[in-house]
Amino acid sequence: MNAGISKGPSGLYVMVGLMALALMLPLCVIMLKNYERTVVVKGLCEREVQADKVIWPLSFKVVGNDISRIYAENADKCATIEAFLKEGGIPESEITVALPKISDKFAQEYGGNDRTFRYVLTQVITVCSTDVPAVLELMKKQSALIARDIIFQNDWDCQTRFLFEGLNELKPEMIEEATRNAREVAQKFAKDSGSRLGKIRTATQGTFSIEDRDASTPEVKKVRVVTNVTYCLSL
């Protein structure tokens, strides 16, 4: 019996199929190579926005040797500061008066030699407001409180913070712009390389970042997002 390909109809079909496959292989390889041709680009979008919330801690100290007198002086200063804030347009609901912290230097085992005053009372009044312009205006008028012997402490844990909480409203528009920017870069690359830009193969959205525009104006924020997009290229 002949072990080769049968000369019957079935053998002919097999032969035709093998010939067609041989003809299609180069085309498949070209298609596969084209599929592998990609370009990865980044799309950037930035916005400058005004802070929509401010947290303003006002910290001061009262020192002395008479505990009752210290508490009385602290109460007077708190009342003065609250009146100053309310006259500046800050509602009472946005003002928080923390419990005062008092330390007794004579009771401390360790410390410096400066024990002129036995008691040191630390008080913090915090403004948490969405009326950022009103708070900024009050910050400019702090000298009025200094004139009344209220000196604020610039402690590390009592720094003023300006926040932007309207990011969700900006996200769709910024992502769209970043993606459009990425496509423009990809089109330029495709043109320079003699290729045609195809469909998006993969895309990842970068993390949004919110930073101060500069150290002098922390109430102005810079919102930034970068998208990574992979496009297919064809000859």
Protein backbone atom coordinates (compact mmCIF):
# COMPACT_ATOMS: atom_id res chain seq x y z
CA MET A 1 0.00 0.00 0.00
CA ASN A 2 1.31 3.48 -0.89
CA ALA A 3 2.32 5.30 2.33
CA GLY A 4 2.23 8.75 0.61
CA ILE A 5 -0.68 11.10 0.22
CA SER A 6 -3.68 9.42 -1.37
CA LYS A 7 -4.52 10.46 -4.90
CA GLY A 8 -8.19 10.41 -4.08
CA PRO A 9 -10.41 13.48 -3.38
CA SER A 10 -9.52 13.55 0.31
CA GLY A 11 -5.80 13.66 -0.47
CA LEU A 12 -6.37 16.52 -2.89
CA TYR A 13 -8.22 18.48 -0.26
CA VAL A 14 -5.36 17.99 2.18
CA MET A 15 -2.84 19.14 -0.39
CA VAL A 16 -4.88 22.27 -1.23
CA GLY A 17 -5.22 23.04 2.46
CA LEU A 18 -1.49 22.73 3.03
CA MET A 19 -0.78 25.00 0.08
CA ALA A 20 -3.26 27.62 1.36
CA LEU A 21 -1.70 27.47 4.80
CA ALA A 22 1.75 27.95 3.31
CA LEU A 23 0.50 31.03 1.44
CA MET A 24 -1.19 32.48 4.53
CA LEU A 25 1.74 32.02 6.90
CA PRO A 26 3.70 35.08 5.68
CA LEU A 27 0.55 37.20 5.91
CA CYS A 28 -0.09 35.97 9.45
CA VAL A 29 3.47 36.79 10.43
CA ILE A 30 3.10 40.31 9.03
CA MET A 31 -0.19 40.79 10.90
CA LEU A 32 1.42 39.51 14.10
CA LYS A 33 4.36 41.88 13.67
CA ASN A 34 1.98 44.77 13.08
CA TYR A 35 0.10 43.86 16.24
CA GLU A 36 3.34 43.94 18.16
CA ARG A 37 4.15 47.46 16.92
CA THR A 38 3.04 49.81 19.66
CA VAL A 39 3.89 53.18 21.10
CA VAL A 40 3.53 54.12 24.77
CA VAL A 41 2.80 57.79 25.45
CA LYS A 42 1.96 59.93 28.45
CA GLY A 43 -0.76 62.55 28.55
CA LEU A 44 -0.51 65.42 31.01
CA CYS A 45 -3.18 67.75 32.36
CA GLU A 46 -2.66 70.48 34.97
CA ARG A 47 -5.01 72.99 36.57
CA GLU A 48 -4.50 75.87 38.98
CA VAL A 49 -7.36 76.16 41.46
CA GLN A 50 -8.15 78.14 44.58
CA ALA A 51 -8.33 76.26 47.87
CA ASP A 52 -11.92 75.75 48.98
CA LYS A 53 -11.21 75.00 52.64
CA VAL A 54 -8.82 76.33 55.27
CA ILE A 55 -7.84 75.05 58.71
CA TRP A 56 -6.32 77.87 60.74
CA PRO A 57 -5.08 77.04 64.25
CA LEU A 58 -4.37 80.00 66.53
CA SER A 59 -2.10 78.90 69.35
CA PHE A 60 -0.93 81.09 72.23
CA LYS A 61 0.51 80.71 75.73
CA VAL A 62 -0.23 82.27 79.10
CA VAL A 63 2.43 82.11 81.83
CA GLY A 64 2.42 83.01 85.51
CA ASN A 65 2.62 81.76 89.07
CA ASP A 66 -1.03 82.14 90.04
CA ILE A 67 -3.09 79.36 88.46
CA SER A 68 -6.42 81.14 88.95
CA ARG A 69 -5.11 84.32 87.34
CA ILE A 70 -3.74 82.33 84.39
CA TYR A 71 -7.11 80.73 83.68
CA ALA A 72 -8.85 84.10 83.94
CA GLU A 73 -6.37 85.70 81.51
CA ASN A 74 -6.78 82.78 79.12
CA ALA A 75 -10.58 83.17 79.18
CA ASP A 76 -10.26 86.90 78.38
CA LYS A 77 -7.93 86.22 75.45
CA CYS A 78 -10.19 83.49 74.08
CA ALA A 79 -13.15 85.86 74.19
CA THR A 80 -11.11 88.55 72.41
CA ILE A 81 -10.05 86.17 69.65
CA GLU A 82 -13.57 84.79 69.16
CA ALA A 83 -14.97 88.31 68.88
CA PHE A 84 -12.26 89.18 66.34
CA LEU A 85 -13.13 86.14 64.23
CA LYS A 86 -16.88 86.68 64.35
CA GLU A 87 -16.52 90.35 63.41
CA GLY A 88 -14.50 89.15 60.43
CA GLY A 89 -17.37 87.01 59.18
CA ILE A 90 -16.49 83.63 60.68
CA PRO A 91 -19.59 81.92 62.15
CA GLU A 92 -19.41 80.30 65.58
CA SER A 93 -19.94 76.86 64.03
CA GLU A 94 -16.55 77.16 62.30
CA ILE A 95 -14.66 78.07 65.49
CA THR A 96 -13.39 75.37 67.87
CA VAL A 97 -11.86 76.18 71.24
CA ALA A 98 -9.74 73.27 72.49
CA LEU A 99 -9.27 72.44 76.15
CA PRO A 100 -6.25 74.33 77.50
CA LYS A 101 -3.10 72.40 78.36
CA ILE A 102 -1.18 73.51 81.43
CA SER A 103 2.23 72.43 82.65
CA ASP A 104 3.85 72.96 86.06
CA LYS A 105 7.58 73.58 85.69
CA PHE A 106 8.16 73.00 89.40
CA ALA A 107 6.71 69.50 89.04
CA GLN A 108 8.99 68.58 86.15
CA GLU A 109 11.95 66.45 87.04
CA TYR A 110 13.81 67.44 83.91
CA GLY A 111 13.94 70.83 82.22
CA GLY A 112 15.92 74.00 81.83
CA ASN A 113 16.88 76.39 84.57
CA ASP A 114 14.42 79.04 83.42
CA ARG A 115 11.63 78.64 85.98
CA THR A 116 10.67 82.28 86.38
CA PHE A 117 7.05 81.33 85.84
CA ARG A 118 5.76 78.15 87.37
CA TYR A 119 2.74 77.56 85.10
CA VAL A 120 2.55 77.57 81.30
CA LEU A 121 -0.91 77.32 79.72
CA THR A 122 -1.20 76.53 76.02
CA GLN A 123 -4.46 77.31 74.22
CA VAL A 124 -5.48 76.54 70.64
CA ILE A 125 -8.46 78.04 68.82
CA THR A 126 -9.06 76.52 65.40
CA VAL A 127 -10.95 77.98 62.47
CA CYS A 128 -12.18 75.42 59.92
CA SER A 129 -13.91 77.33 57.15
CA THR A 130 -14.87 77.14 53.49
CA ASP A 131 -14.78 80.94 53.28
CA VAL A 132 -11.11 81.11 52.38
CA PRO A 133 -11.11 84.79 51.30
CA ALA A 134 -12.56 85.84 54.67
CA VAL A 135 -9.89 83.90 56.57
CA LEU A 136 -7.11 85.33 54.41
CA GLU A 137 -8.37 88.83 55.17
CA LEU A 138 -8.36 88.11 58.91
CA MET A 139 -4.81 86.79 58.71
CA LYS A 140 -3.73 90.19 57.43
CA LYS A 141 -5.31 91.85 60.48
CA GLN A 142 -3.66 89.75 63.19
CA SER A 143 -1.71 92.80 64.33
CA ALA A 144 -4.88 93.98 66.01
CA LEU A 145 -4.59 91.02 68.40
CA ILE A 146 -0.87 91.46 68.89
CA ALA A 147 -1.64 94.98 70.09
CA ARG A 148 -3.78 93.38 72.80
CA ASP A 149 -0.87 91.23 74.02
CA ILE A 150 -1.94 88.07 72.20
CA ILE A 151 1.13 86.54 70.57
CA PHE A 152 0.51 83.47 68.47
CA GLN A 153 2.92 80.53 68.41
CA ASN A 154 4.18 79.19 65.09
CA ASP A 155 4.41 75.58 66.24
CA TRP A 156 4.91 72.77 63.72
CA ASP A 157 1.64 71.08 64.71
CA CYS A 158 -0.28 74.37 64.40
CA GLN A 159 0.41 75.22 60.77
CA THR A 160 -2.34 76.69 58.62
CA ARG A 161 -3.53 74.24 55.95
CA PHE A 162 -5.29 75.13 52.72
CA LEU A 163 -7.19 72.28 51.08
CA PHE A 164 -8.96 71.63 47.79
CA GLU A 165 -11.90 69.24 48.06
CA GLY A 166 -13.54 69.79 44.67
CA LEU A 167 -11.40 67.23 42.83
CA ASN A 168 -14.28 64.95 41.84
CA GLU A 169 -15.80 67.76 39.76
CA LEU A 170 -12.55 68.24 37.85
CA LYS A 171 -11.65 64.59 37.28
CA PRO A 172 -13.71 63.80 34.13
CA GLU A 173 -12.58 66.94 32.28
CA MET A 174 -8.94 66.52 33.27
CA ILE A 175 -8.81 62.83 32.32
CA GLU A 176 -10.36 63.67 28.94
CA GLU A 177 -7.77 66.39 28.32
CA ALA A 178 -4.88 64.16 29.40
CA THR A 179 -6.07 61.38 27.08
CA ARG A 180 -6.44 63.84 24.20
CA ASN A 181 -2.95 65.11 24.88
CA ALA A 182 -1.61 61.55 24.80
CA ARG A 183 -3.26 60.90 21.43
CA GLU A 184 -1.71 64.06 19.95
CA VAL A 185 1.73 62.86 21.04
CA ALA A 186 1.08 59.38 19.61
CA GLN A 187 -0.10 60.82 16.29
CA LYS A 188 3.06 62.91 16.02
CA PHE A 189 5.19 59.81 16.71
CA ALA A 190 3.28 57.74 14.14
CA LYS A 191 3.69 60.43 11.49
CA ASP A 192 7.42 60.80 12.14
CA SER A 193 7.94 57.02 11.96
CA GLY A 194 5.89 56.54 8.80
CA SER A 195 3.19 54.55 10.59
CA ARG A 196 -0.53 54.81 11.07
CA LEU A 197 -2.00 55.18 14.53
CA GLY A 198 -4.31 52.36 15.51
CA LYS A 199 -6.58 51.66 18.44
CA ILE A 200 -5.74 51.93 22.11
CA ARG A 201 -4.22 48.69 23.34
CA THR A 202 -3.96 49.57 27.04
CA ALA A 203 -4.57 52.68 29.11
CA THR A 204 -3.94 53.49 32.75
CA GLN A 205 -5.01 56.56 34.66
CA GLY A 206 -2.35 58.08 36.86
CA THR A 207 -2.93 59.27 40.40
CA PHE A 208 -4.15 62.81 40.87
CA SER A 209 -1.82 65.04 42.86
CA ILE A 210 -2.64 68.31 44.60
CA GLU A 211 0.23 70.56 45.63
CA ASP A 212 0.82 74.16 46.56
CA ARG A 213 1.63 76.20 43.49
CA ASP A 214 4.43 77.85 45.48
CA ALA A 215 5.50 78.45 49.06
CA SER A 216 4.23 82.05 49.15
CA THR A 217 0.62 81.34 48.10
CA PRO A 218 -0.46 78.01 49.62
CA GLU A 219 -4.09 78.96 48.96
CA VAL A 220 -3.44 78.39 45.23
CA LYS A 221 -3.22 74.70 44.35
CA LYS A 222 -1.84 72.87 41.33
CA VAL A 223 -3.85 69.78 40.37
CA ARG A 224 -2.02 67.32 38.09
CA VAL A 225 -2.74 63.97 36.45
CA VAL A 226 -0.73 61.86 33.98
CA THR A 227 -2.27 59.08 31.87
CA ASN A 228 -0.28 56.26 30.23
CA VAL A 229 -1.71 55.04 26.92
CA THR A 230 -0.42 52.30 24.59
CA TYR A 231 -1.47 52.63 20.93
CA CYS A 232 -1.12 50.06 18.18
CA LEU A 233 0.80 51.09 15.06
CA SER A 234 0.40 49.78 11.53
CA LEU A 235 2.45 50.26 8.38
